[in-house]
Structure formats: C-alpha cells, structure tokens
C-alpha cells in the first residue's frame, strides 16, 4: 500500500487506526480539545492506546478499560468522574453518528456542544 493510502498510524502501537470510532485523535477533536487546523499535525492513537481518556467511555460498543495509575477514575473525585464520563461517552456516540451517517458531515460539525 502506498504511504498516501494509509490512514493515521498510532503513535503508541504503530498500527493503523482504521476507523473514526477507534480514533483518539477524532475523539479529542469532537470534545473540543483540538482545532480543525491542527488535526493533520496532531498525533493519532487508538482509543485503547490512550486509556486515561478512554476509561470514561461508557457505551456497549466499547469494552471498558482501566488505568493503573494516579489517573485511574476509581480514585478520582466522583463528581468529576461522572461529568467526564457523560462528556466523553457523548463524544464517543458522536463518532458513531459520524461513521454511520449516509450523507457527508462537515468536519466543522463534528464537535459536540460544550
């Protein structure tokens, strides 16, 4: 496969991130953590390769991950964890909406309202 035909490569494991629904880069963009102009310059990771963020995904389509460090949601403030879980899970569901849309969605319409 030509280099230009490849998707983004995960900076953690080196494998290709083949779908938006497994993309940490696009999850962070949907969350408003990245500007559209910086997407192509930002590192990509699989969601599972960034467990500090993906531990907050609560969705039947995503197998839960745990973090064994000070950032483990089980040792953080319950209110913060609840808010983060709602926000990140909502962004993850938005990735699925984008992936399953029958009509193209503008990149500028990807982010959720904060």
C-alpha atoms as a PDB file:
ATOM      1  CA  UNK A   1       0.000   0.000   0.000  1.00  0.00           C
ATOM      2  CA  UNK A   2       1.307   3.435  -0.854  1.00  0.00           C
ATOM      3  CA  UNK A   3       2.049   5.681   2.112  1.00  0.00           C
ATOM      4  CA  UNK A   4      -0.638   8.116   0.956  1.00  0.00           C
ATOM      5  CA  UNK A   5      -3.210   5.276   1.005  1.00  0.00           C
ATOM      6  CA  UNK A   6      -2.563   4.536   4.673  1.00  0.00           C
ATOM      7  CA  UNK A   7      -4.605   6.041   7.452  1.00  0.00           C
ATOM      8  CA  UNK A   8      -3.079   7.564  10.530  1.00  0.00           C
ATOM      9  CA  UNK A   9      -0.658   5.359  12.426  1.00  0.00           C
ATOM     10  CA  UNK A  10      -0.984   5.046  16.198  1.00  0.00           C
ATOM     11  CA  UNK A  11       1.947   6.703  17.943  1.00  0.00           C
ATOM     12  CA  UNK A  12       1.732   4.120  20.739  1.00  0.00           C
ATOM     13  CA  UNK A  13       1.433   0.740  18.988  1.00  0.00           C
ATOM     14  CA  UNK A  14       2.345   1.711  15.416  1.00  0.00           C
ATOM     15  CA  UNK A  15      -0.699   0.039  13.857  1.00  0.00           C
ATOM     16  CA  UNK A  16      -3.082   1.859  11.541  1.00  0.00           C
ATOM     17  CA  UNK A  17      -6.147   3.488  13.087  1.00  0.00           C
ATOM     18  CA  UNK A  18      -8.676   2.269  10.548  1.00  0.00           C
ATOM     19  CA  UNK A  19     -11.909   3.829  11.779  1.00  0.00           C
ATOM     20  CA  UNK A  20     -13.055   7.093  13.288  1.00  0.00           C
ATOM     21  CA  UNK A  21     -14.763   5.127  16.081  1.00  0.00           C
ATOM     22  CA  UNK A  22     -11.382   3.865  17.292  1.00  0.00           C
ATOM     23  CA  UNK A  23      -9.636   7.223  16.908  1.00  0.00           C
ATOM     24  CA  UNK A  24      -8.355   9.080  19.942  1.00  0.00           C
ATOM     25  CA  UNK A  25      -7.486  11.999  17.642  1.00  0.00           C
ATOM     26  CA  UNK A  26     -11.075  12.453  16.466  1.00  0.00           C
ATOM     27  CA  UNK A  27     -12.498  11.849  19.941  1.00  0.00           C
ATOM     28  CA  UNK A  28     -10.314  14.697  21.223  1.00  0.00           C
ATOM     29  CA  UNK A  29     -11.444  16.853  18.274  1.00  0.00           C
ATOM     30  CA  UNK A  30     -15.128  16.117  18.933  1.00  0.00           C
ATOM     31  CA  UNK A  31     -14.515  17.029  22.585  1.00  0.00           C
ATOM     32  CA  UNK A  32     -13.134  20.403  21.506  1.00  0.00           C
ATOM     33  CA  UNK A  33      -9.586  19.653  22.652  1.00  0.00           C
ATOM     34  CA  UNK A  34      -8.107  20.252  19.158  1.00  0.00           C
ATOM     35  CA  UNK A  35      -8.666  22.884  16.490  1.00  0.00           C
ATOM     36  CA  UNK A  36      -9.588  21.681  12.993  1.00  0.00           C
ATOM     37  CA  UNK A  37      -6.437  23.330  11.641  1.00  0.00           C
ATOM     38  CA  UNK A  38      -4.267  21.174  13.918  1.00  0.00           C
ATOM     39  CA  UNK A  39      -5.855  17.788  13.175  1.00  0.00           C
ATOM     40  CA  UNK A  40      -3.356  16.862  10.479  1.00  0.00           C
ATOM     41  CA  UNK A  41      -0.442  17.851  12.735  1.00  0.00           C
ATOM     42  CA  UNK A  42      -1.568  16.024  15.878  1.00  0.00           C
ATOM     43  CA  UNK A  43      -0.538  12.506  16.849  1.00  0.00           C
ATOM     44  CA  UNK A  44      -3.051   9.694  16.444  1.00  0.00           C
ATOM     45  CA  UNK A  45      -3.716   6.846  18.841  1.00  0.00           C
ATOM     46  CA  UNK A  46      -6.250   4.081  19.133  1.00  0.00           C
ATOM     47  CA  UNK A  47      -8.737   4.799  21.905  1.00  0.00           C
ATOM     48  CA  UNK A  48      -7.393   1.769  23.750  1.00  0.00           C
ATOM     49  CA  UNK A  49      -3.859   3.184  23.455  1.00  0.00           C
ATOM     50  CA  UNK A  50      -4.965   6.235  25.468  1.00  0.00           C
ATOM     51  CA  UNK A  51      -6.686   4.621  28.466  1.00  0.00           C
ATOM     52  CA  UNK A  52      -6.535   7.793  30.579  1.00  0.00           C
ATOM     53  CA  UNK A  53      -9.164   9.309  28.261  1.00  0.00           C
ATOM     54  CA  UNK A  54     -10.965   6.191  27.054  1.00  0.00           C
ATOM     55  CA  UNK A  55     -11.674   4.910  30.585  1.00  0.00           C
ATOM     56  CA  UNK A  56     -14.503   7.451  30.575  1.00  0.00           C
ATOM     57  CA  UNK A  57     -16.301   5.859  27.622  1.00  0.00           C
ATOM     58  CA  UNK A  58     -19.478   4.205  28.846  1.00  0.00           C
ATOM     59  CA  UNK A  59     -21.037   2.584  25.799  1.00  0.00           C
ATOM     60  CA  UNK A  60     -21.996  -1.017  24.996  1.00  0.00           C
ATOM     61  CA  UNK A  61     -19.899  -0.841  21.799  1.00  0.00           C
ATOM     62  CA  UNK A  62     -16.691  -0.156  23.751  1.00  0.00           C
ATOM     63  CA  UNK A  63     -15.078  -2.648  26.118  1.00  0.00           C
ATOM     64  CA  UNK A  64     -14.140  -0.805  29.326  1.00  0.00           C
ATOM     65  CA  UNK A  65     -10.501  -0.094  30.070  1.00  0.00           C
ATOM     66  CA  UNK A  66      -8.814   0.527  33.390  1.00  0.00           C
ATOM     67  CA  UNK A  67      -5.849   2.678  34.303  1.00  0.00           C
ATOM     68  CA  UNK A  68      -3.363   1.585  36.932  1.00  0.00           C
ATOM     69  CA  UNK A  69      -2.011   4.983  37.962  1.00  0.00           C
ATOM     70  CA  UNK A  70      -2.967   8.154  39.798  1.00  0.00           C
ATOM     71  CA  UNK A  71      -5.267   8.959  36.839  1.00  0.00           C
ATOM     72  CA  UNK A  72      -7.474   5.905  37.444  1.00  0.00           C
ATOM     73  CA  UNK A  73     -11.041   7.175  37.594  1.00  0.00           C
ATOM     74  CA  UNK A  74     -11.709   4.850  40.544  1.00  0.00           C
ATOM     75  CA  UNK A  75      -9.514   7.051  42.754  1.00  0.00           C
ATOM     76  CA  UNK A  76     -10.689  10.440  41.452  1.00  0.00           C
ATOM     77  CA  UNK A  77     -13.469  12.719  42.644  1.00  0.00           C
ATOM     78  CA  UNK A  78     -16.854  11.112  41.922  1.00  0.00           C
ATOM     79  CA  UNK A  79     -18.400  14.336  40.575  1.00  0.00           C
ATOM     80  CA  UNK A  80     -15.506  14.858  38.165  1.00  0.00           C
ATOM     81  CA  UNK A  81     -15.686  11.226  37.037  1.00  0.00           C
ATOM     82  CA  UNK A  82     -19.427  11.453  36.436  1.00  0.00           C
ATOM     83  CA  UNK A  83     -19.094  14.653  34.387  1.00  0.00           C
ATOM     84  CA  UNK A  84     -16.162  13.290  32.391  1.00  0.00           C
ATOM     85  CA  UNK A  85     -17.953  10.009  31.730  1.00  0.00           C
ATOM     86  CA  UNK A  86     -21.021  11.830  30.413  1.00  0.00           C
ATOM     87  CA  UNK A  87     -18.970  14.161  28.210  1.00  0.00           C
ATOM     88  CA  UNK A  88     -16.566  11.562  26.772  1.00  0.00           C
ATOM     89  CA  UNK A  89     -19.337   8.995  26.242  1.00  0.00           C
ATOM     90  CA  UNK A  90     -21.382  11.603  24.401  1.00  0.00           C
ATOM     91  CA  UNK A  91     -18.407  12.392  22.165  1.00  0.00           C
ATOM     92  CA  UNK A  92     -17.885   8.674  21.506  1.00  0.00           C
ATOM     93  CA  UNK A  93     -21.538   8.335  20.453  1.00  0.00           C
ATOM     94  CA  UNK A  94     -20.984  11.322  18.144  1.00  0.00           C
ATOM     95  CA  UNK A  95     -18.121   9.429  16.451  1.00  0.00           C
ATOM     96  CA  UNK A  96     -20.576   6.609  15.746  1.00  0.00           C
ATOM     97  CA  UNK A  97     -23.128   9.078  14.326  1.00  0.00           C
ATOM     98  CA  UNK A  98     -20.453  10.458  12.013  1.00  0.00           C
ATOM     99  CA  UNK A  99     -19.297   6.996  10.953  1.00  0.00           C
ATOM    100  CA  UNK A 100     -22.821   5.766  10.234  1.00  0.00           C
ATOM    101  CA  UNK A 101     -24.119   8.892   8.506  1.00  0.00           C
ATOM    102  CA  UNK A 102     -25.421   8.246   4.997  1.00  0.00           C
ATOM    103  CA  UNK A 103     -24.611  11.807   3.978  1.00  0.00           C
ATOM    104  CA  UNK A 104     -21.279  13.561   4.493  1.00  0.00           C
ATOM    105  CA  UNK A 105     -20.926  15.661   7.636  1.00  0.00           C
ATOM    106  CA  UNK A 106     -18.703  18.718   7.546  1.00  0.00           C
ATOM    107  CA  UNK A 107     -15.605  18.421   9.725  1.00  0.00           C
ATOM    108  CA  UNK A 108     -16.644  21.667  11.382  1.00  0.00           C
ATOM    109  CA  UNK A 109     -19.883  19.981  12.531  1.00  0.00           C
ATOM    110  CA  UNK A 110     -18.110  17.072  14.289  1.00  0.00           C
ATOM    111  CA  UNK A 111     -17.624  18.681  17.752  1.00  0.00           C
ATOM    112  CA  UNK A 112     -20.284  18.381  20.401  1.00  0.00           C
ATOM    113  CA  UNK A 113     -21.522  21.496  22.154  1.00  0.00           C
ATOM    114  CA  UNK A 114     -19.618  22.007  25.368  1.00  0.00           C
END
